[in-house]
PDB file of N, CA and C in Angstrom:
ATOM      1  N   MET A   1       0.842  -1.183   0.000  1.00  0.00           N
ATOM      2  CA  MET A   1       0.000   0.000   0.000  1.00  0.00           C
ATOM      3  C   MET A   1       0.887   1.246   0.000  1.00  0.00           C
ATOM      4  N   MET A   2       0.640   2.123  -0.945  1.00  0.00           N
ATOM      5  CA  MET A   2       1.422   3.361  -1.037  1.00  0.00           C
ATOM      6  C   MET A   2       0.818   4.415  -0.122  1.00  0.00           C
ATOM      7  N   THR A   3       1.677   5.151   0.513  1.00  0.00           N
ATOM      8  CA  THR A   3       1.213   6.247   1.350  1.00  0.00           C
ATOM      9  C   THR A   3       1.608   7.556   0.683  1.00  0.00           C
ATOM     10  N   ARG A   4       0.723   8.501   0.806  1.00  0.00           N
ATOM     11  CA  ARG A   4       0.960   9.821   0.241  1.00  0.00           C
ATOM     12  C   ARG A   4       1.904  10.579   1.163  1.00  0.00           C
ATOM     13  N   GLU A   5       2.898  11.212   0.565  1.00  0.00           N
ATOM     14  CA  GLU A   5       3.826  12.002   1.374  1.00  0.00           C
ATOM     15  C   GLU A   5       3.120  13.269   1.837  1.00  0.00           C
ATOM     16  N   LYS A   6       3.156  13.498   3.138  1.00  0.00           N
ATOM     17  CA  LYS A   6       2.476  14.655   3.717  1.00  0.00           C
ATOM     18  C   LYS A   6       3.401  15.864   3.691  1.00  0.00           C
ATOM     19  N   PRO A   7       2.819  17.041   3.399  1.00  0.00           N
ATOM     20  CA  PRO A   7       3.640  18.253   3.426  1.00  0.00           C
ATOM     21  C   PRO A   7       4.140  18.536   4.839  1.00  0.00           C
ATOM     22  N   GLN A   8       5.256  19.231   4.916  1.00  0.00           N
ATOM     23  CA  GLN A   8       5.848  19.556   6.213  1.00  0.00           C
ATOM     24  C   GLN A   8       6.181  21.044   6.265  1.00  0.00           C
ATOM     25  N   GLY A   9       6.375  21.535   7.466  1.00  0.00           N
ATOM     26  CA  GLY A   9       6.817  22.912   7.672  1.00  0.00           C
ATOM     27  C   GLY A   9       5.840  23.936   7.121  1.00  0.00           C
ATOM     28  N   LEU A  10       6.388  24.930   6.434  1.00  0.00           N
ATOM     29  CA  LEU A  10       5.557  26.014   5.892  1.00  0.00           C
ATOM     30  C   LEU A  10       4.577  25.514   4.843  1.00  0.00           C
ATOM     31  N   GLN A  11       4.965  24.493   4.098  1.00  0.00           N
ATOM     32  CA  GLN A  11       4.067  23.934   3.087  1.00  0.00           C
ATOM     33  C   GLN A  11       2.811  23.344   3.767  1.00  0.00           C
ATOM     34  N   ARG A  12       3.005  22.670   4.885  1.00  0.00           N
ATOM     35  CA  ARG A  12       1.883  22.121   5.632  1.00  0.00           C
ATOM     36  C   ARG A  12       1.003  23.235   6.180  1.00  0.00           C
ATOM     37  N   LEU A  13       1.629  24.299   6.674  1.00  0.00           N
ATOM     38  CA  LEU A  13       0.888  25.430   7.216  1.00  0.00           C
ATOM     39  C   LEU A  13       0.060  26.109   6.121  1.00  0.00           C
ATOM     40  N   ARG A  14       0.664  26.313   4.952  1.00  0.00           N
ATOM     41  CA  ARG A  14      -0.078  26.913   3.824  1.00  0.00           C
ATOM     42  C   ARG A  14      -1.253  26.032   3.420  1.00  0.00           C
ATOM     43  N   ALA A  15      -1.038  24.726   3.340  1.00  0.00           N
ATOM     44  CA  ALA A  15      -2.116  23.803   2.981  1.00  0.00           C
ATOM     45  C   ALA A  15      -3.229  23.847   4.018  1.00  0.00           C
ATOM     46  N   SER A  16      -2.861  23.936   5.284  1.00  0.00           N
ATOM     47  CA  SER A  16      -3.839  23.998   6.358  1.00  0.00           C
ATOM     48  C   SER A  16      -4.695  25.257   6.241  1.00  0.00           C
ATOM     49  N   PHE A  17      -4.061  26.389   6.011  1.00  0.00           N
ATOM     50  CA  PHE A  17      -4.818  27.638   5.846  1.00  0.00           C
ATOM     51  C   PHE A  17      -5.697  27.588   4.598  1.00  0.00           C
ATOM     52  N   ARG A  18      -5.192  27.016   3.521  1.00  0.00           N
ATOM     53  CA  ARG A  18      -5.973  26.912   2.281  1.00  0.00           C
ATOM     54  C   ARG A  18      -7.208  26.031   2.524  1.00  0.00           C
ATOM     55  N   ASN A  19      -7.035  24.901   3.208  1.00  0.00           N
ATOM     56  CA  ASN A  19      -8.168  24.024   3.502  1.00  0.00           C
ATOM     57  C   ASN A  19      -9.178  24.710   4.417  1.00  0.00           C
ATOM     58  N   SER A  20      -8.682  25.436   5.401  1.00  0.00           N
ATOM     59  CA  SER A  20      -9.580  26.164   6.304  1.00  0.00           C
ATOM     60  C   SER A  20     -10.366  27.217   5.541  1.00  0.00           C
ATOM     61  N   TRP A  21      -9.705  27.944   4.667  1.00  0.00           N
ATOM     62  CA  TRP A  21     -10.383  28.975   3.876  1.00  0.00           C
ATOM     63  C   TRP A  21     -11.467  28.348   3.002  1.00  0.00           C
ATOM     64  N   ARG A  22     -11.160  27.191   2.389  1.00  0.00           N
ATOM     65  CA  ARG A  22     -12.169  26.503   1.571  1.00  0.00           C
ATOM     66  C   ARG A  22     -13.353  26.076   2.441  1.00  0.00           C
ATOM     67  N   GLY A  23     -13.072  25.669   3.674  1.00  0.00           N
ATOM     68  CA  GLY A  23     -14.155  25.305   4.587  1.00  0.00           C
ATOM     69  C   GLY A  23     -15.036  26.501   4.927  1.00  0.00           C
ATOM     70  N   PHE A  24     -14.416  27.639   5.240  1.00  0.00           N
ATOM     71  CA  PHE A  24     -15.194  28.853   5.509  1.00  0.00           C
ATOM     72  C   PHE A  24     -16.009  29.260   4.288  1.00  0.00           C
ATOM     73  N   ALA A  25     -15.378  29.246   3.127  1.00  0.00           N
ATOM     74  CA  ALA A  25     -16.070  29.641   1.894  1.00  0.00           C
ATOM     75  C   ALA A  25     -17.240  28.698   1.608  1.00  0.00           C
ATOM     76  N   GLY A  26     -17.021  27.405   1.801  1.00  0.00           N
ATOM     77  CA  GLY A  26     -18.094  26.440   1.577  1.00  0.00           C
ATOM     78  C   GLY A  26     -19.241  26.634   2.547  1.00  0.00           C
ATOM     79  N   ALA A  27     -18.929  26.869   3.801  1.00  0.00           N
ATOM     80  CA  ALA A  27     -19.975  27.112   4.796  1.00  0.00           C
ATOM     81  C   ALA A  27     -20.757  28.376   4.446  1.00  0.00           C
ATOM     82  N   TRP A  28     -20.050  29.419   4.046  1.00  0.00           N
ATOM     83  CA  TRP A  28     -20.715  30.672   3.675  1.00  0.00           C
ATOM     84  C   TRP A  28     -21.626  30.472   2.463  1.00  0.00           C
ATOM     85  N   ARG A  29     -21.139  29.738   1.484  1.00  0.00           N
ATOM     86  CA  ARG A  29     -21.872  29.518   0.235  1.00  0.00           C
ATOM     87  C   ARG A  29     -23.074  28.592   0.435  1.00  0.00           C
ATOM     88  N   GLU A  30     -22.913  27.538   1.227  1.00  0.00           N
ATOM     89  CA  GLU A  30     -23.911  26.473   1.291  1.00  0.00           C
ATOM     90  C   GLU A  30     -24.837  26.525   2.505  1.00  0.00           C
ATOM     91  N   GLU A  31     -24.454  27.224   3.553  1.00  0.00           N
ATOM     92  CA  GLU A  31     -25.195  27.150   4.815  1.00  0.00           C
ATOM     93  C   GLU A  31     -25.777  28.497   5.222  1.00  0.00           C
ATOM     94  N   ALA A  32     -27.089  28.631   5.045  1.00  0.00           N
ATOM     95  CA  ALA A  32     -27.771  29.876   5.427  1.00  0.00           C
ATOM     96  C   ALA A  32     -27.622  30.143   6.926  1.00  0.00           C
ATOM     97  N   ALA A  33     -27.670  29.082   7.736  1.00  0.00           N
ATOM     98  CA  ALA A  33     -27.544  29.263   9.184  1.00  0.00           C
ATOM     99  C   ALA A  33     -26.192  29.878   9.532  1.00  0.00           C
ATOM    100  N   PHE A  34     -25.127  29.450   8.847  1.00  0.00           N
ATOM    101  CA  PHE A  34     -23.802  30.007   9.115  1.00  0.00           C
ATOM    102  C   PHE A  34     -23.764  31.492   8.755  1.00  0.00           C
ATOM    103  N   ARG A  35     -24.371  31.855   7.635  1.00  0.00           N
ATOM    104  CA  ARG A  35     -24.414  33.274   7.243  1.00  0.00           C
ATOM    105  C   ARG A  35     -25.195  34.095   8.275  1.00  0.00           C
ATOM    106  N   GLN A  36     -26.303  33.549   8.767  1.00  0.00           N
ATOM    107  CA  GLN A  36     -27.101  34.261   9.769  1.00  0.00           C
ATOM    108  C   GLN A  36     -26.325  34.415  11.077  1.00  0.00           C
ATOM    109  N   GLU A  37     -25.608  33.382  11.457  1.00  0.00           N
ATOM    110  CA  GLU A  37     -24.824  33.451  12.687  1.00  0.00           C
ATOM    111  C   GLU A  37     -23.650  34.406  12.535  1.00  0.00           C
ATOM    112  N   CYS A  38     -23.085  34.507  11.349  1.00  0.00           N
ATOM    113  CA  CYS A  38     -22.025  35.496  11.108  1.00  0.00           C
ATOM    114  C   CYS A  38     -22.589  36.909  11.229  1.00  0.00           C
ATOM    115  N   ALA A  39     -23.805  37.112  10.728  1.00  0.00           N
ATOM    116  CA  ALA A  39     -24.444  38.427  10.862  1.00  0.00           C
ATOM    117  C   ALA A  39     -24.682  38.746  12.339  1.00  0.00           C
ATOM    118  N   LEU A  40     -25.127  37.752  13.099  1.00  0.00           N
ATOM    119  CA  LEU A  40     -25.304  37.959  14.538  1.00  0.00           C
ATOM    120  C   LEU A  40     -23.966  38.276  15.201  1.00  0.00           C
ATOM    121  N   ALA A  41     -22.908  37.601  14.774  1.00  0.00           N
ATOM    122  CA  ALA A  41     -21.575  37.841  15.347  1.00  0.00           C
ATOM    123  C   ALA A  41     -21.115  39.273  15.098  1.00  0.00           C
ATOM    124  N   LEU A  42     -21.502  39.849  13.958  1.00  0.00           N
ATOM    125  CA  LEU A  42     -21.137  41.238  13.664  1.00  0.00           C
ATOM    126  C   LEU A  42     -21.746  42.208  14.676  1.00  0.00           C
ATOM    127  N   VAL A  43     -22.821  41.800  15.323  1.00  0.00           N
ATOM    128  CA  VAL A  43     -23.448  42.615  16.369  1.00  0.00           C
ATOM    129  C   VAL A  43     -22.904  42.229  17.744  1.00  0.00           C
ATOM    130  N   VAL A  44     -22.878  40.930  18.027  1.00  0.00           N
ATOM    131  CA  VAL A  44     -22.540  40.443  19.372  1.00  0.00           C
ATOM    132  C   VAL A  44     -21.077  40.699  19.732  1.00  0.00           C
ATOM    133  N   LEU A  45     -20.158  40.474  18.799  1.00  0.00           N
ATOM    134  CA  LEU A  45     -18.736  40.621  19.132  1.00  0.00           C
ATOM    135  C   LEU A  45     -18.371  42.050  19.521  1.00  0.00           C
ATOM    136  N   PRO A  46     -18.714  43.065  18.709  1.00  0.00           N
ATOM    137  CA  PRO A  46     -18.403  44.433  19.166  1.00  0.00           C
ATOM    138  C   PRO A  46     -19.174  44.822  20.431  1.00  0.00           C
ATOM    139  N   ALA A  47     -20.428  44.374  20.531  1.00  0.00           N
ATOM    140  CA  ALA A  47     -21.209  44.703  21.733  1.00  0.00           C
ATOM    141  C   ALA A  47     -20.577  44.082  22.973  1.00  0.00           C
ATOM    142  N   GLY A  48     -20.092  42.853  22.848  1.00  0.00           N
ATOM    143  CA  GLY A  48     -19.444  42.188  23.983  1.00  0.00           C
ATOM    144  C   GLY A  48     -18.166  42.887  24.392  1.00  0.00           C
ATOM    145  N   LEU A  49     -17.402  43.340  23.408  1.00  0.00           N
ATOM    146  CA  LEU A  49     -16.169  44.071  23.726  1.00  0.00           C
ATOM    147  C   LEU A  49     -16.479  45.412  24.378  1.00  0.00           C
ATOM    148  N   TRP A  50     -17.574  46.034  23.972  1.00  0.00           N
ATOM    149  CA  TRP A  50     -17.952  47.342  24.514  1.00  0.00           C
ATOM    150  C   TRP A  50     -18.600  47.209  25.894  1.00  0.00           C
ATOM    151  N   CYS A  51     -19.434  46.178  26.079  1.00  0.00           N
ATOM    152  CA  CYS A  51     -20.184  46.037  27.342  1.00  0.00           C
ATOM    153  C   CYS A  51     -19.358  45.466  28.484  1.00  0.00           C
ATOM    154  N   GLY A  52     -18.331  44.697  28.163  1.00  0.00           N
ATOM    155  CA  GLY A  52     -17.539  44.093  29.228  1.00  0.00           C
ATOM    156  C   GLY A  52     -16.719  45.122  29.976  1.00  0.00           C
ATOM    157  N   ASN A  53     -16.721  45.022  31.307  1.00  0.00           N
ATOM    158  CA  ASN A  53     -15.954  45.964  32.135  1.00  0.00           C
ATOM    159  C   ASN A  53     -14.524  45.508  32.379  1.00  0.00           C
ATOM    160  N   SER A  54     -14.240  44.252  32.100  1.00  0.00           N
ATOM    161  CA  SER A  54     -12.897  43.722  32.302  1.00  0.00           C
ATOM    162  C   SER A  54     -12.595  42.751  31.162  1.00  0.00           C
ATOM    163  N   GLY A  55     -11.368  42.323  31.097  1.00  0.00           N
ATOM    164  CA  GLY A  55     -10.998  41.355  30.078  1.00  0.00           C
ATOM    165  C   GLY A  55     -11.791  40.067  30.222  1.00  0.00           C
ATOM    166  N   LEU A  56     -11.998  39.645  31.457  1.00  0.00           N
ATOM    167  CA  LEU A  56     -12.753  38.412  31.696  1.00  0.00           C
ATOM    168  C   LEU A  56     -14.212  38.564  31.266  1.00  0.00           C
ATOM    169  N   GLU A  57     -14.804  39.700  31.561  1.00  0.00           N
ATOM    170  CA  GLU A  57     -16.193  39.930  31.133  1.00  0.00           C
ATOM    171  C   GLU A  57     -16.282  39.987  29.616  1.00  0.00           C
ATOM    172  N   ARG A  58     -15.342  40.670  28.983  1.00  0.00           N
ATOM    173  CA  ARG A  58     -15.357  40.741  27.513  1.00  0.00           C
ATOM    174  C   ARG A  58     -15.232  39.342  26.909  1.00  0.00           C
ATOM    175  N   PHE A  59     -14.331  38.550  27.462  1.00  0.00           N
ATOM    176  CA  PHE A  59     -14.169  37.176  26.983  1.00  0.00           C
ATOM    177  C   PHE A  59     -15.459  36.377  27.179  1.00  0.00           C
ATOM    178  N   THR A  60     -16.087  36.543  28.345  1.00  0.00           N
ATOM    179  CA  THR A  60     -17.312  35.811  28.670  1.00  0.00           C
ATOM    180  C   THR A  60     -18.440  36.174  27.715  1.00  0.00           C
ATOM    181  N   LEU A  61     -18.472  37.402  27.254  1.00  0.00           N
ATOM    182  CA  LEU A  61     -19.517  37.830  26.332  1.00  0.00           C
ATOM    183  C   LEU A  61     -19.212  37.452  24.877  1.00  0.00           C
ATOM    184  N   VAL A  62     -17.945  37.384  24.519  1.00  0.00           N
ATOM    185  CA  VAL A  62     -17.544  37.136  23.126  1.00  0.00           C
ATOM    186  C   VAL A  62     -17.369  35.650  22.825  1.00  0.00           C
ATOM    187  N   ALA A  63     -16.784  34.902  23.740  1.00  0.00           N
ATOM    188  CA  ALA A  63     -16.428  33.505  23.475  1.00  0.00           C
ATOM    189  C   ALA A  63     -17.615  32.630  23.064  1.00  0.00           C
ATOM    190  N   PRO A  64     -18.782  32.737  23.706  1.00  0.00           N
ATOM    191  CA  PRO A  64     -19.890  31.882  23.271  1.00  0.00           C
ATOM    192  C   PRO A  64     -20.323  32.142  21.825  1.00  0.00           C
ATOM    193  N   MET A  65     -20.191  33.364  21.355  1.00  0.00           N
ATOM    194  CA  MET A  65     -20.551  33.655  19.969  1.00  0.00           C
ATOM    195  C   MET A  65     -19.581  32.969  19.022  1.00  0.00           C
ATOM    196  N   LEU A  66     -18.299  32.991  19.372  1.00  0.00           N
ATOM    197  CA  LEU A  66     -17.311  32.280  18.552  1.00  0.00           C
ATOM    198  C   LEU A  66     -17.563  30.780  18.606  1.00  0.00           C
ATOM    199  N   LEU A  67     -17.967  30.285  19.775  1.00  0.00           N
ATOM    200  CA  LEU A  67     -18.286  28.865  19.912  1.00  0.00           C
ATOM    201  C   LEU A  67     -19.465  28.483  19.020  1.00  0.00           C
ATOM    202  N   ILE A  68     -20.452  29.347  18.913  1.00  0.00           N
ATOM    203  CA  ILE A  68     -21.588  29.075  18.028  1.00  0.00           C
ATOM    204  C   ILE A  68     -21.096  28.848  16.603  1.00  0.00           C
ATOM    205  N   LEU A  69     -20.176  29.688  16.140  1.00  0.00           N
ATOM    206  CA  LEU A  69     -19.653  29.539  14.778  1.00  0.00           C
ATOM    207  C   LEU A  69     -18.896  28.222  14.623  1.00  0.00           C
ATOM    208  N   VAL A  70     -18.110  27.863  15.634  1.00  0.00           N
ATOM    209  CA  VAL A  70     -17.364  26.597  15.590  1.00  0.00           C
ATOM    210  C   VAL A  70     -18.327  25.418  15.537  1.00  0.00           C
ATOM    211  N   VAL A  71     -19.322  25.430  16.413  1.00  0.00           N
ATOM    212  CA  VAL A  71     -20.270  24.309  16.473  1.00  0.00           C
ATOM    213  C   VAL A  71     -21.090  24.237  15.191  1.00  0.00           C
ATOM    214  N   GLU A  72     -21.447  25.386  14.625  1.00  0.00           N
ATOM    215  CA  GLU A  72     -22.182  25.378  13.350  1.00  0.00           C
ATOM    216  C   GLU A  72     -21.336  24.777  12.235  1.00  0.00           C
ATOM    217  N   LEU A  73     -20.043  25.083  12.206  1.00  0.00           N
ATOM    218  CA  LEU A  73     -19.166  24.477  11.201  1.00  0.00           C
ATOM    219  C   LEU A  73     -19.121  22.959  11.376  1.00  0.00           C
ATOM    220  N   LEU A  74     -19.008  22.495  12.610  1.00  0.00           N
ATOM    221  CA  LEU A  74     -18.996  21.051  12.876  1.00  0.00           C
ATOM    222  C   LEU A  74     -20.340  20.418  12.514  1.00  0.00           C
ATOM    223  N   ASN A  75     -21.433  21.095  12.846  1.00  0.00           N
ATOM    224  CA  ASN A  75     -22.760  20.594  12.491  1.00  0.00           C
ATOM    225  C   ASN A  75     -22.904  20.488  10.970  1.00  0.00           C
ATOM    226  N   SER A  76     -22.428  21.483  10.267  1.00  0.00           N
ATOM    227  CA  SER A  76     -22.492  21.448   8.805  1.00  0.00           C
ATOM    228  C   SER A  76     -21.651  20.308   8.243  1.00  0.00           C
ATOM    229  N   ALA A  77     -20.507  20.040   8.870  1.00  0.00           N
ATOM    230  CA  ALA A  77     -19.664  18.928   8.433  1.00  0.00           C
ATOM    231  C   ALA A  77     -20.387  17.594   8.641  1.00  0.00           C
ATOM    232  N   ILE A  78     -21.054  17.447   9.774  1.00  0.00           N
ATOM    233  CA  ILE A  78     -21.826  16.231  10.031  1.00  0.00           C
ATOM    234  C   ILE A  78     -22.913  16.069   8.973  1.00  0.00           C
ATOM    235  N   GLU A  79     -23.644  17.149   8.707  1.00  0.00           N
ATOM    236  CA  GLU A  79     -24.717  17.084   7.724  1.00  0.00           C
ATOM    237  C   GLU A  79     -24.187  16.738   6.338  1.00  0.00           C
ATOM    238  N   ALA A  80     -23.062  17.325   5.955  1.00  0.00           N
ATOM    239  CA  ALA A  80     -22.486  17.037   4.645  1.00  0.00           C
ATOM    240  C   ALA A  80     -22.063  15.571   4.540  1.00  0.00           C
ATOM    241  N   ALA A  81     -21.463  15.053   5.598  1.00  0.00           N
ATOM    242  CA  ALA A  81     -21.037  13.645   5.582  1.00  0.00           C
ATOM    243  C   ALA A  81     -22.243  12.712   5.497  1.00  0.00           C
ATOM    244  N   ILE A  82     -23.290  13.003   6.253  1.00  0.00           N
ATOM    245  CA  ILE A  82     -24.498  12.179   6.219  1.00  0.00           C
ATOM    246  C   ILE A  82     -25.132  12.243   4.833  1.00  0.00           C
ATOM    247  N   ASP A  83     -25.221  13.441   4.273  1.00  0.00           N
ATOM    248  CA  ASP A  83     -25.806  13.585   2.940  1.00  0.00           C
ATOM    249  C   ASP A  83     -24.973  12.881   1.874  1.00  0.00           C
ATOM    250  N   ARG A  84     -23.678  12.826   2.064  1.00  0.00           N
ATOM    251  CA  ARG A  84     -22.790  12.140   1.119  1.00  0.00           C
ATOM    252  C   ARG A  84     -23.015  10.637   1.137  1.00  0.00           C
ATOM    253  N   ILE A  85     -23.356  10.098   2.301  1.00  0.00           N
ATOM    254  CA  ILE A  85     -23.558   8.659   2.440  1.00  0.00           C
ATOM    255  C   ILE A  85     -24.738   8.190   1.594  1.00  0.00           C
ATOM    256  N   GLY A  86     -25.813   8.958   1.580  1.00  0.00           N
ATOM    257  CA  GLY A  86     -26.972   8.556   0.791  1.00  0.00           C
ATOM    258  C   GLY A  86     -28.164   9.448   1.058  1.00  0.00           C
ATOM    259  N   THR A  87     -29.144   9.336   0.171  1.00  0.00           N
ATOM    260  CA  THR A  87     -30.332  10.187   0.290  1.00  0.00           C
ATOM    261  C   THR A  87     -31.477   9.493   1.016  1.00  0.00           C
ATOM    262  N   GLU A  88     -31.363   8.173   1.211  1.00  0.00           N
ATOM    263  CA  GLU A  88     -32.457   7.466   1.891  1.00  0.00           C
ATOM    264  C   GLU A  88     -32.496   7.856   3.367  1.00  0.00           C
ATOM    265  N   ARG A  89     -33.687   7.797   3.917  1.00  0.00           N
ATOM    266  CA  ARG A  89     -33.860   8.133   5.333  1.00  0.00           C
ATOM    267  C   ARG A  89     -33.412   6.957   6.191  1.00  0.00           C
ATOM    268  N   HIS A  90     -32.659   7.288   7.229  1.00  0.00           N
ATOM    269  CA  HIS A  90     -32.224   6.266   8.178  1.00  0.00           C
ATOM    270  C   HIS A  90     -32.272   6.887   9.569  1.00  0.00           C
ATOM    271  N   PRO A  91     -32.751   6.157  10.564  1.00  0.00           N
ATOM    272  CA  PRO A  91     -32.860   6.729  11.911  1.00  0.00           C
ATOM    273  C   PRO A  91     -31.534   7.260  12.455  1.00  0.00           C
ATOM    274  N   LEU A  92     -30.428   6.577  12.185  1.00  0.00           N
ATOM    275  CA  LEU A  92     -29.141   7.055  12.707  1.00  0.00           C
ATOM    276  C   LEU A  92     -28.684   8.329  11.996  1.00  0.00           C
ATOM    277  N   SER A  93     -29.000   8.443  10.705  1.00  0.00           N
ATOM    278  CA  SER A  93     -28.668   9.683   9.989  1.00  0.00           C
ATOM    279  C   SER A  93     -29.454  10.846  10.577  1.00  0.00           C
ATOM    280  N   GLY A  94     -30.736  10.611  10.821  1.00  0.00           N
ATOM    281  CA  GLY A  94     -31.564  11.652  11.428  1.00  0.00           C
ATOM    282  C   GLY A  94     -31.075  12.013  12.817  1.00  0.00           C
ATOM    283  N   LEU A  95     -30.691  10.997  13.591  1.00  0.00           N
ATOM    284  CA  LEU A  95     -30.180  11.255  14.935  1.00  0.00           C
ATOM    285  C   LEU A  95     -28.899  12.073  14.889  1.00  0.00           C
ATOM    286  N   ALA A  96     -27.989  11.739  13.971  1.00  0.00           N
ATOM    287  CA  ALA A  96     -26.729  12.490  13.855  1.00  0.00           C
ATOM    288  C   ALA A  96     -27.005  13.954  13.550  1.00  0.00           C
ATOM    289  N   LYS A  97     -27.921  14.199  12.636  1.00  0.00           N
ATOM    290  CA  LYS A  97     -28.255  15.586  12.289  1.00  0.00           C
ATOM    291  C   LYS A  97     -28.935  16.295  13.458  1.00  0.00           C
ATOM    292  N   ASP A  98     -29.814  15.593  14.157  1.00  0.00           N
ATOM    293  CA  ASP A  98     -30.492  16.194  15.309  1.00  0.00           C
ATOM    294  C   ASP A  98     -29.516  16.506  16.438  1.00  0.00           C
ATOM    295  N   LEU A  99     -28.549  15.623  16.655  1.00  0.00           N
ATOM    296  CA  LEU A  99     -27.542  15.871  17.692  1.00  0.00           C
ATOM    297  C   LEU A  99     -26.693  17.100  17.350  1.00  0.00           C
ATOM    298  N   GLY A 100     -26.325  17.237  16.086  1.00  0.00           N
ATOM    299  CA  GLY A 100     -25.581  18.426  15.670  1.00  0.00           C
ATOM    300  C   GLY A 100     -26.391  19.688  15.895  1.00  0.00           C
ATOM    301  N   SER A 101     -27.672  19.625  15.550  1.00  0.00           N
ATOM    302  CA  SER A 101     -28.553  20.775  15.760  1.00  0.00           C
ATOM    303  C   SER A 101     -28.694  21.097  17.243  1.00  0.00           C
ATOM    304  N   ALA A 102     -28.789  20.063  18.077  1.00  0.00           N
ATOM    305  CA  ALA A 102     -28.883  20.279  19.526  1.00  0.00           C
ATOM    306  C   ALA A 102     -27.618  20.944  20.058  1.00  0.00           C
ATOM    307  N   ALA A 103     -26.466  20.585  19.498  1.00  0.00           N
ATOM    308  CA  ALA A 103     -25.209  21.211  19.928  1.00  0.00           C
ATOM    309  C   ALA A 103     -25.210  22.700  19.599  1.00  0.00           C
ATOM    310  N   VAL A 104     -25.716  23.050  18.425  1.00  0.00           N
ATOM    311  CA  VAL A 104     -25.811  24.473  18.063  1.00  0.00           C
ATOM    312  C   VAL A 104     -26.760  25.178  19.035  1.00  0.00           C
ATOM    313  N   PHE A 105     -27.898  24.550  19.319  1.00  0.00           N
ATOM    314  CA  PHE A 105     -28.857  25.140  20.250  1.00  0.00           C
ATOM    315  C   PHE A 105     -28.227  25.383  21.621  1.00  0.00           C
ATOM    316  N   MET A 106     -27.486  24.396  22.128  1.00  0.00           N
ATOM    317  CA  MET A 106     -26.839  24.547  23.433  1.00  0.00           C
ATOM    318  C   MET A 106     -25.812  25.683  23.418  1.00  0.00           C
ATOM    319  N   SER A 107     -25.172  25.900  22.286  1.00  0.00           N
ATOM    320  CA  SER A 107     -24.243  27.027  22.167  1.00  0.00           C
ATOM    321  C   SER A 107     -24.989  28.352  22.304  1.00  0.00           C
ATOM    322  N   PHE A 108     -26.183  28.421  21.732  1.00  0.00           N
ATOM    323  CA  PHE A 108     -26.997  29.624  21.877  1.00  0.00           C
ATOM    324  C   PHE A 108     -27.447  29.802  23.329  1.00  0.00           C
ATOM    325  N   VAL A 109     -27.764  28.702  24.004  1.00  0.00           N
ATOM    326  CA  VAL A 109     -28.122  28.772  25.429  1.00  0.00           C
ATOM    327  C   VAL A 109     -26.945  29.336  26.220  1.00  0.00           C
ATOM    328  N   MET A 110     -25.736  28.884  25.885  1.00  0.00           N
ATOM    329  CA  MET A 110     -24.541  29.390  26.561  1.00  0.00           C
ATOM    330  C   MET A 110     -24.373  30.895  26.317  1.00  0.00           C
ATOM    331  N   LEU A 111     -24.609  31.346  25.091  1.00  0.00           N
ATOM    332  CA  LEU A 111     -24.511  32.773  24.782  1.00  0.00           C
ATOM    333  C   LEU A 111     -25.510  33.572  25.611  1.00  0.00           C
ATOM    334  N   ALA A 112     -26.753  33.110  25.641  1.00  0.00           N
ATOM    335  CA  ALA A 112     -27.790  33.820  26.398  1.00  0.00           C
ATOM    336  C   ALA A 112     -27.457  33.829  27.893  1.00  0.00           C
ATOM    337  N   ALA A 113     -26.980  32.698  28.411  1.00  0.00           N
ATOM    338  CA  ALA A 113     -26.636  32.615  29.836  1.00  0.00           C
ATOM    339  C   ALA A 113     -25.481  33.559  30.170  1.00  0.00           C
ATOM    340  N   ALA A 114     -24.469  33.591  29.316  1.00  0.00           N
ATOM    341  CA  ALA A 114     -23.310  34.460  29.578  1.00  0.00           C
ATOM    342  C   ALA A 114     -23.743  35.918  29.614  1.00  0.00           C
ATOM    343  N   TRP A 115     -24.509  36.337  28.611  1.00  0.00           N
ATOM    344  CA  TRP A 115     -24.962  37.725  28.566  1.00  0.00           C
ATOM    345  C   TRP A 115     -25.877  38.032  29.758  1.00  0.00           C
ATOM    346  N   GLY A 116     -26.784  37.109  30.062  1.00  0.00           N
ATOM    347  CA  GLY A 116     -27.696  37.319  31.180  1.00  0.00           C
ATOM    348  C   GLY A 116     -26.956  37.446  32.501  1.00  0.00           C
ATOM    349  N   LEU A 117     -25.991  36.567  32.734  1.00  0.00           N
ATOM    350  CA  LEU A 117     -25.259  36.597  34.005  1.00  0.00           C
ATOM    351  C   LEU A 117     -24.376  37.834  34.129  1.00  0.00           C
ATOM    352  N   VAL A 118     -23.690  38.199  33.050  1.00  0.00           N
ATOM    353  CA  VAL A 118     -22.814  39.365  33.125  1.00  0.00           C
ATOM    354  C   VAL A 118     -23.627  40.647  33.295  1.00  0.00           C
ATOM    355  N   LEU A 119     -24.703  40.778  32.525  1.00  0.00           N
ATOM    356  CA  LEU A 119     -25.448  42.037  32.567  1.00  0.00           C
ATOM    357  C   LEU A 119     -26.311  42.174  33.832  1.00  0.00           C
ATOM    358  N   THR A 120     -26.753  41.073  34.408  1.00  0.00           N
ATOM    359  CA  THR A 120     -27.553  41.187  35.639  1.00  0.00           C
ATOM    360  C   THR A 120     -26.682  41.308  36.886  1.00  0.00           C
ATOM    361  N   ASP A 121     -25.389  41.138  36.725  1.00  0.00           N
ATOM    362  CA  ASP A 121     -24.474  41.237  37.863  1.00  0.00           C
ATOM    363  C   ASP A 121     -24.063  42.689  38.114  1.00  0.00           C
ATOM    364  N   ARG A 122     -24.645  43.612  37.426  1.00  0.00           N
ATOM    365  CA  ARG A 122     -24.244  45.018  37.575  1.00  0.00           C
ATOM    366  C   ARG A 122     -25.106  45.754  38.536  1.00  0.00           C
TER     367      ARG A 122
END
């Protein structure tokens, strides 16, 4: 069995950034939810930086929004992999997609909790 030689050093770093950029571009192009969450991030991130009274508060307000974007990317990857497997309905495929969606929902709960706790502590 032949193995493909993996890039090393700066070549590996360039390939990694190129793959990441393609992932962002694909998510932007194919996933309406990702575009909507990016629009929300354009509001939440500056607001979190402005509303936080300390570095820790700013982090607490900003980090959950970034987590939402990360979880949405992972959810989209799960959905793409399931869709690639086949178009027929299968309970495990549905469960995988539902679990990904639940993870995104929990990220939103974390965002709401962080904002609620920081702002009511004043």
